[in-house]
Amino acid sequence: MSTDHQKYSTENQLDVIRRYASARGLEILRVFEDSGRSGLRLDGREALQRLMAEVHSGNADFSAILVYDVSRWGRYQDADEGAYHEHVCSRAGIRVHYCGEQFENDGSIGSNLLKTVKRVMAGEYSRELSVKVFAGQCRLVELGFRQGGAPGYGLRRVLVDEHRNAKGELARGERKSLQTDRVVLVPGPAHEVDVVRRMYRMFVDDGRPEREIAAALNFEGVLSDLGRPWTRASVHQVLTNEKYIGNNVFNKVSFKLKQRRVVNPREMWVRAESAYPSIVDRALFDRARAIVDALAAFFGRGTPGPPPLAAGATRCALGSHDR
């Protein structure tokens, strides 16, 4: 199950399975449970992987697998994937029972047709839900609410109610518990805000490359938001993220239906301008972005000669060939 709600809670599923087993004189030996896990892929479903490993071993001490319904076996985007796992069980002499369905999984034509339809419907449900969830997330982003992820160095997450009244700061790993609550970003401690601003000045005004900025911060004993030494990549993230000028940006990366991770072009990003208090001046951020974009374009092409940098950024270009 991926949520704790309604009929798909593990407790409700197990209750139906126990009654099914009792009515047919079956003894339940073990329970394999993947709580809070998506059924889109086998990856991450450790209990199901252990179950299938026992089936593959040929030494399983059970003759049946009881599942709540076809969708609990998996909401795979390829309906044949669910059929494959059931086939593996059948080949090992283990029958799969769908306890909450209105048909017997007896291998009849009607049973096979219904299973196929149910598998396709399960995958389609996930696709439709993905579209609805994405639309809802975009709407919340446009209203200025944060959609997941760590706040980043120099920023903090604050929980607000439906009237935008602050309820308190969220520590790392904490999440909201009420559906009506939302999360916004606010500036963090003054010393962290000062470090972020210094990073921008070092990059834009002093022309120091990202790797050199990281080395300077590490020499001073300044740790990142993860409590680790700074790297070129972590400095780059600070210098390019619009949240430091108060913009709420979403959909930079897509991983819909857990199929493939896609880095989206900027025109596909969902953005709310000035959603949070900024801690970096917009003009300074734009200058940093211009330098980063010019470097990326130049080294991406591999063209000889100097890149078309913004004014005052010559030393940054010369010192950043490790990009």
Protein backbone atom coordinates (compact mmCIF):
# COMPACT_ATOMS: atom_id res chain seq x y z
CA MET A 1 0.00 0.00 0.00
CA SER A 2 1.13 3.61 -0.61
CA THR A 3 -1.24 5.28 1.89
CA ASP A 4 -2.94 4.48 5.18
CA HIS A 5 -6.41 5.35 3.95
CA GLN A 6 -9.64 3.43 3.45
CA LYS A 7 -9.81 -0.16 2.23
CA TYR A 8 -6.14 -0.40 1.22
CA SER A 9 -4.75 -0.08 4.73
CA THR A 10 -2.76 -3.21 5.52
CA GLU A 11 -5.01 -3.98 8.49
CA ASN A 12 -8.14 -4.02 6.32
CA GLN A 13 -6.44 -6.06 3.63
CA LEU A 14 -5.23 -8.63 6.15
CA ASP A 15 -8.69 -8.90 7.71
CA VAL A 16 -10.21 -9.78 4.31
CA ILE A 17 -7.39 -12.24 3.61
CA ARG A 18 -7.84 -14.00 6.96
CA ARG A 19 -11.57 -14.42 6.41
CA TYR A 20 -10.90 -15.76 2.91
CA ALA A 21 -8.36 -18.26 4.27
CA SER A 22 -10.65 -19.36 7.09
CA ALA A 23 -13.55 -19.98 4.70
CA ARG A 24 -11.35 -22.23 2.55
CA GLY A 25 -9.48 -24.04 5.29
CA LEU A 26 -6.15 -22.39 4.49
CA GLU A 27 -3.51 -21.72 7.14
CA ILE A 28 -1.58 -18.43 6.93
CA LEU A 29 2.10 -19.15 7.53
CA ARG A 30 3.65 -15.72 6.98
CA VAL A 31 2.65 -12.19 6.05
CA PHE A 32 4.66 -10.17 3.52
CA GLU A 33 3.81 -6.49 3.93
CA ASP A 34 5.07 -3.42 2.05
CA SER A 35 3.60 -0.48 3.99
CA GLY A 36 3.85 2.97 2.45
CA ARG A 37 5.27 1.60 -0.81
CA SER A 38 4.13 2.30 -4.33
CA GLY A 39 3.07 -0.62 -6.49
CA LEU A 40 4.34 0.94 -9.70
CA ARG A 41 7.57 -1.04 -9.66
CA LEU A 42 9.09 -4.03 -7.92
CA ASP A 43 12.02 -1.84 -6.81
CA GLY A 44 11.66 -0.75 -3.20
CA ARG A 45 9.08 -3.41 -2.36
CA GLU A 46 11.36 -5.49 -0.18
CA ALA A 47 8.65 -7.80 1.16
CA LEU A 48 7.42 -8.73 -2.31
CA GLN A 49 11.02 -9.29 -3.40
CA ARG A 50 11.55 -11.68 -0.48
CA LEU A 51 8.33 -13.50 -1.35
CA MET A 52 9.34 -13.91 -4.99
CA ALA A 53 12.84 -15.02 -3.94
CA GLU A 54 11.26 -17.88 -1.95
CA VAL A 55 9.14 -18.81 -4.97
CA HIS A 56 12.18 -18.77 -7.27
CA SER A 57 14.20 -20.88 -4.83
CA GLY A 58 11.91 -23.85 -5.32
CA ASN A 59 11.98 -24.49 -1.56
CA ALA A 60 8.89 -22.53 -0.57
CA ASP A 61 6.96 -24.15 2.30
CA PHE A 62 3.60 -22.81 1.08
CA SER A 63 1.29 -23.74 -1.77
CA ALA A 64 -0.74 -20.53 -2.13
CA ILE A 65 -0.27 -16.76 -2.04
CA LEU A 66 -3.22 -14.70 -0.86
CA VAL A 67 -3.46 -11.12 -2.21
CA TYR A 68 -6.21 -8.61 -1.46
CA ASP A 69 -6.92 -7.81 -5.12
CA VAL A 70 -5.22 -7.53 -8.51
CA SER A 71 -4.10 -3.94 -7.92
CA ARG A 72 -2.27 -4.90 -4.70
CA TRP A 73 -0.09 -7.31 -6.68
CA GLY A 74 1.05 -4.19 -8.51
CA ARG A 75 -0.09 -1.18 -10.52
CA TYR A 76 2.54 -1.82 -13.13
CA GLN A 77 2.47 0.37 -16.23
CA ASP A 78 3.06 -2.78 -18.27
CA ALA A 79 0.14 -5.09 -17.47
CA ASP A 80 2.25 -8.08 -18.51
CA GLU A 81 4.61 -7.50 -15.57
CA GLY A 82 1.93 -8.51 -13.06
CA ALA A 83 1.03 -11.50 -15.23
CA TYR A 84 4.70 -12.53 -15.33
CA HIS A 85 5.03 -12.63 -11.54
CA GLU A 86 1.87 -14.71 -11.26
CA HIS A 87 3.16 -17.04 -13.98
CA VAL A 88 6.38 -17.56 -11.99
CA CYS A 89 4.29 -18.61 -9.00
CA SER A 90 2.13 -20.90 -11.11
CA ARG A 91 5.19 -22.57 -12.62
CA ALA A 92 6.44 -23.26 -9.08
CA GLY A 93 3.14 -24.94 -8.22
CA ILE A 94 1.92 -22.01 -6.12
CA ARG A 95 -1.53 -20.63 -6.79
CA VAL A 96 -2.29 -16.92 -6.37
CA HIS A 97 -5.67 -16.09 -4.78
CA TYR A 98 -7.25 -12.63 -5.08
CA CYS A 99 -9.31 -12.46 -1.91
CA GLY A 100 -11.22 -9.24 -2.52
CA GLU A 101 -12.19 -9.89 -6.13
CA GLN A 102 -15.55 -11.17 -7.33
CA PHE A 103 -14.02 -13.96 -9.41
CA GLU A 104 -12.08 -17.12 -8.65
CA ASN A 105 -8.56 -17.18 -10.06
CA ASP A 106 -9.08 -20.65 -11.50
CA GLY A 107 -7.50 -20.25 -14.93
CA SER A 108 -10.82 -20.06 -16.77
CA ILE A 109 -11.32 -17.77 -19.77
CA GLY A 110 -13.53 -15.43 -17.74
CA SER A 111 -10.99 -15.27 -14.92
CA ASN A 112 -8.10 -14.52 -17.28
CA LEU A 113 -10.06 -11.81 -19.09
CA LEU A 114 -11.04 -10.13 -15.83
CA LYS A 115 -7.47 -10.25 -14.52
CA THR A 116 -6.16 -8.65 -17.70
CA VAL A 117 -8.75 -5.88 -17.54
CA LYS A 118 -8.04 -5.32 -13.83
CA ARG A 119 -4.29 -5.10 -14.45
CA VAL A 120 -4.78 -2.53 -17.21
CA MET A 121 -7.23 -0.59 -15.02
CA ALA A 122 -4.75 -0.59 -12.14
CA GLY A 123 -2.04 0.90 -14.34
CA GLU A 124 -4.46 3.44 -15.83
CA TYR A 125 -5.56 4.49 -12.34
CA SER A 126 -1.96 5.38 -11.51
CA ARG A 127 -1.61 7.37 -14.74
CA GLU A 128 -4.79 9.35 -14.08
CA LEU A 129 -3.83 9.91 -10.46
CA SER A 130 -0.40 11.15 -11.52
CA VAL A 131 -2.00 13.80 -13.76
CA LYS A 132 -4.34 14.96 -10.97
CA VAL A 133 -1.58 15.07 -8.35
CA PHE A 134 0.71 17.03 -10.67
CA ALA A 135 -2.02 19.57 -11.43
CA GLY A 136 -2.66 19.98 -7.70
CA GLN A 137 1.03 20.43 -6.97
CA CYS A 138 1.35 23.09 -9.68
CA ARG A 139 -1.57 24.99 -8.22
CA LEU A 140 -0.03 24.94 -4.73
CA VAL A 141 3.33 26.07 -6.12
CA GLU A 142 1.65 29.02 -7.85
CA LEU A 143 0.10 29.92 -4.48
CA GLY A 144 3.58 30.02 -2.97
CA PHE A 145 3.65 26.75 -1.06
CA ARG A 146 6.69 24.49 -0.98
CA GLN A 147 6.31 21.04 -2.53
CA GLY A 148 8.72 18.74 -0.72
CA GLY A 149 12.48 18.69 -0.59
CA ALA A 150 15.01 20.06 1.85
CA PRO A 151 15.00 23.87 2.21
CA GLY A 152 18.70 24.27 1.44
CA TYR A 153 21.48 26.19 3.11
CA GLY A 154 20.38 29.56 4.51
CA LEU A 155 16.67 28.70 4.40
CA ARG A 156 14.17 27.02 6.70
CA ARG A 157 10.76 25.40 6.27
CA VAL A 158 7.84 26.85 8.25
CA LEU A 159 4.47 25.16 8.68
CA VAL A 160 1.42 27.39 8.09
CA ASP A 161 -2.31 26.72 8.41
CA GLU A 162 -4.97 27.32 5.76
CA HIS A 163 -4.97 31.03 6.66
CA ARG A 164 -1.16 31.24 6.28
CA ASN A 165 -0.66 31.66 10.01
CA ALA A 166 2.74 30.28 11.05
CA LYS A 167 2.58 27.18 13.24
CA GLY A 168 6.29 26.54 13.71
CA GLU A 169 9.51 25.61 12.01
CA LEU A 170 9.93 22.09 10.64
CA ALA A 171 13.17 20.36 11.55
CA ARG A 172 15.00 18.16 9.06
CA GLY A 173 12.95 15.02 8.37
CA GLU A 174 9.73 16.42 9.88
CA ARG A 175 6.58 16.60 7.77
CA LYS A 176 3.19 18.19 8.07
CA SER A 177 0.48 16.01 9.60
CA LEU A 178 -2.70 17.88 8.61
CA GLN A 179 -3.88 17.95 5.01
CA THR A 180 -4.88 21.61 5.28
CA ASP A 181 -1.44 22.71 6.48
CA ARG A 182 1.16 23.98 4.01
CA VAL A 183 4.90 24.67 4.01
CA VAL A 184 6.69 27.89 3.07
CA LEU A 185 10.35 28.91 3.06
CA VAL A 186 11.82 31.65 5.24
CA PRO A 187 15.37 32.96 5.70
CA GLY A 188 17.45 30.87 8.07
CA PRO A 189 19.95 32.01 10.74
CA ALA A 190 21.72 35.28 10.03
CA HIS A 191 25.15 33.66 9.77
CA GLU A 192 23.90 31.24 7.08
CA VAL A 193 22.25 34.06 5.13
CA ASP A 194 25.53 35.98 5.29
CA VAL A 195 27.45 32.97 3.93
CA VAL A 196 25.05 32.66 0.98
CA ARG A 197 25.47 36.33 0.11
CA ARG A 198 29.24 36.01 0.40
CA MET A 199 29.19 33.07 -2.00
CA TYR A 200 27.42 35.18 -4.62
CA ARG A 201 29.84 38.10 -4.17
CA MET A 202 32.83 35.78 -4.38
CA PHE A 203 31.48 34.26 -7.60
CA VAL A 204 30.26 37.44 -9.33
CA ASP A 205 32.37 40.30 -7.98
CA ASP A 206 35.62 38.47 -7.22
CA GLY A 207 35.40 36.05 -10.15
CA ARG A 208 36.22 33.04 -8.00
CA PRO A 209 35.19 29.63 -9.40
CA GLU A 210 32.79 27.35 -7.54
CA ARG A 211 35.48 24.87 -6.52
CA GLU A 212 37.58 27.67 -5.04
CA ILE A 213 34.56 29.01 -3.12
CA ALA A 214 33.96 25.53 -1.67
CA ALA A 215 37.61 25.29 -0.62
CA ALA A 216 37.42 28.70 1.08
CA LEU A 217 34.32 27.76 3.06
CA ASN A 218 35.83 24.44 4.09
CA PHE A 219 39.00 26.24 5.24
CA GLU A 220 36.81 28.43 7.46
CA GLY A 221 35.10 25.34 8.90
CA VAL A 222 31.69 26.23 7.41
CA LEU A 223 29.58 23.12 6.79
CA SER A 224 26.74 22.73 4.28
CA ASP A 225 23.11 22.23 5.25
CA LEU A 226 23.80 18.48 5.32
CA GLY A 227 26.58 18.95 7.85
CA ARG A 228 29.21 18.05 5.25
CA PRO A 229 32.13 19.90 3.65
CA TRP A 230 31.23 21.99 0.61
CA THR A 231 31.82 20.70 -2.91
CA ARG A 232 31.71 22.39 -6.28
CA ALA A 233 28.28 20.85 -6.88
CA SER A 234 26.81 22.08 -3.57
CA VAL A 235 28.11 25.61 -4.22
CA HIS A 236 26.69 25.45 -7.76
CA GLN A 237 23.28 24.52 -6.33
CA VAL A 238 23.26 27.63 -4.14
CA LEU A 239 24.38 29.89 -6.99
CA THR A 240 21.68 28.69 -9.41
CA ASN A 241 18.57 28.07 -7.29
CA GLU A 242 15.85 30.70 -7.60
CA LYS A 243 14.60 30.08 -4.07
CA TYR A 244 17.35 32.44 -2.90
CA ILE A 245 15.56 35.32 -4.65
CA GLY A 246 12.20 34.20 -3.25
CA ASN A 247 10.90 32.29 -6.29
CA ASN A 248 9.01 29.04 -5.80
CA VAL A 249 10.05 26.73 -8.64
CA PHE A 250 8.72 23.26 -9.38
CA ASN A 251 9.02 20.59 -12.09
CA LYS A 252 12.74 21.00 -12.73
CA VAL A 253 12.98 17.22 -12.80
CA SER A 254 10.24 14.74 -13.66
CA PHE A 255 10.04 11.17 -12.42
CA LYS A 256 6.45 10.41 -13.29
CA LEU A 257 5.15 6.94 -12.57
CA LYS A 258 8.69 6.01 -11.51
CA GLN A 259 9.54 5.27 -15.12
CA ARG A 260 12.37 7.60 -16.10
CA ARG A 261 14.04 10.61 -14.52
CA VAL A 262 13.89 13.58 -16.91
CA VAL A 263 15.58 16.96 -16.46
CA ASN A 264 13.08 19.47 -17.85
CA PRO A 265 14.01 22.64 -19.80
CA ARG A 266 13.35 25.94 -18.02
CA GLU A 267 10.25 26.69 -20.09
CA MET A 268 8.57 23.68 -18.46
CA TRP A 269 9.28 24.83 -14.92
CA VAL A 270 6.34 25.95 -12.80
CA ARG A 271 7.25 29.20 -11.08
CA ALA A 272 5.76 31.62 -8.56
CA GLU A 273 7.68 34.90 -8.43
CA SER A 274 8.49 36.46 -5.04
CA ALA A 275 6.71 33.73 -3.10
CA TYR A 276 9.20 33.96 -0.20
CA PRO A 277 11.42 36.68 1.28
CA SER A 278 14.59 36.85 -0.81
CA ILE A 279 18.04 36.67 0.76
CA VAL A 280 19.98 37.53 -2.41
CA ASP A 281 19.52 40.65 -4.55
CA ARG A 282 17.83 39.87 -7.87
CA ALA A 283 20.44 41.72 -9.93
CA LEU A 284 23.25 39.78 -8.24
CA PHE A 285 21.45 36.50 -8.88
CA ASP A 286 20.91 37.36 -12.55
CA ARG A 287 24.61 38.13 -12.98
CA ALA A 288 25.52 34.79 -11.39
CA ARG A 289 23.04 32.99 -13.64
CA ALA A 290 24.45 34.69 -16.74
CA ILE A 291 27.96 33.56 -15.83
CA VAL A 292 26.83 29.98 -15.15
CA ASP A 293 24.84 29.83 -18.41
CA ALA A 294 27.75 31.21 -20.42
CA LEU A 295 30.15 28.70 -18.93
CA ALA A 296 27.75 25.83 -19.53
CA ALA A 297 27.22 26.86 -23.16
CA PHE A 298 30.92 27.39 -23.78
CA PHE A 299 32.22 24.14 -22.30
CA GLY A 300 29.27 22.20 -23.67
CA ARG A 301 30.24 23.22 -27.20
CA GLY A 302 33.95 22.73 -26.67
CA THR A 303 34.61 25.82 -28.82
CA PRO A 304 38.13 27.25 -28.50
CA GLY A 305 38.57 30.78 -27.24
CA PRO A 306 36.98 32.69 -24.37
CA PRO A 307 33.26 32.20 -23.58
CA PRO A 308 30.86 35.14 -23.90
CA LEU A 309 30.84 36.04 -20.20
CA ALA A 310 29.16 38.91 -18.44
CA ALA A 311 31.26 41.95 -17.67
CA GLY A 312 33.69 41.51 -14.81
CA ALA A 313 33.60 37.71 -14.98
CA THR A 314 36.86 37.05 -16.84
CA ARG A 315 38.73 35.56 -13.90
CA CYS A 316 35.82 33.24 -13.11
CA ALA A 317 35.96 31.85 -16.64
CA LEU A 318 39.70 31.30 -16.52
CA GLY A 319 39.52 29.58 -13.18
CA SER A 320 36.59 27.28 -13.92
CA HIS A 321 37.95 24.93 -16.58
CA ASP A 322 37.29 22.03 -14.20
CA ARG A 323 33.62 22.40 -15.05
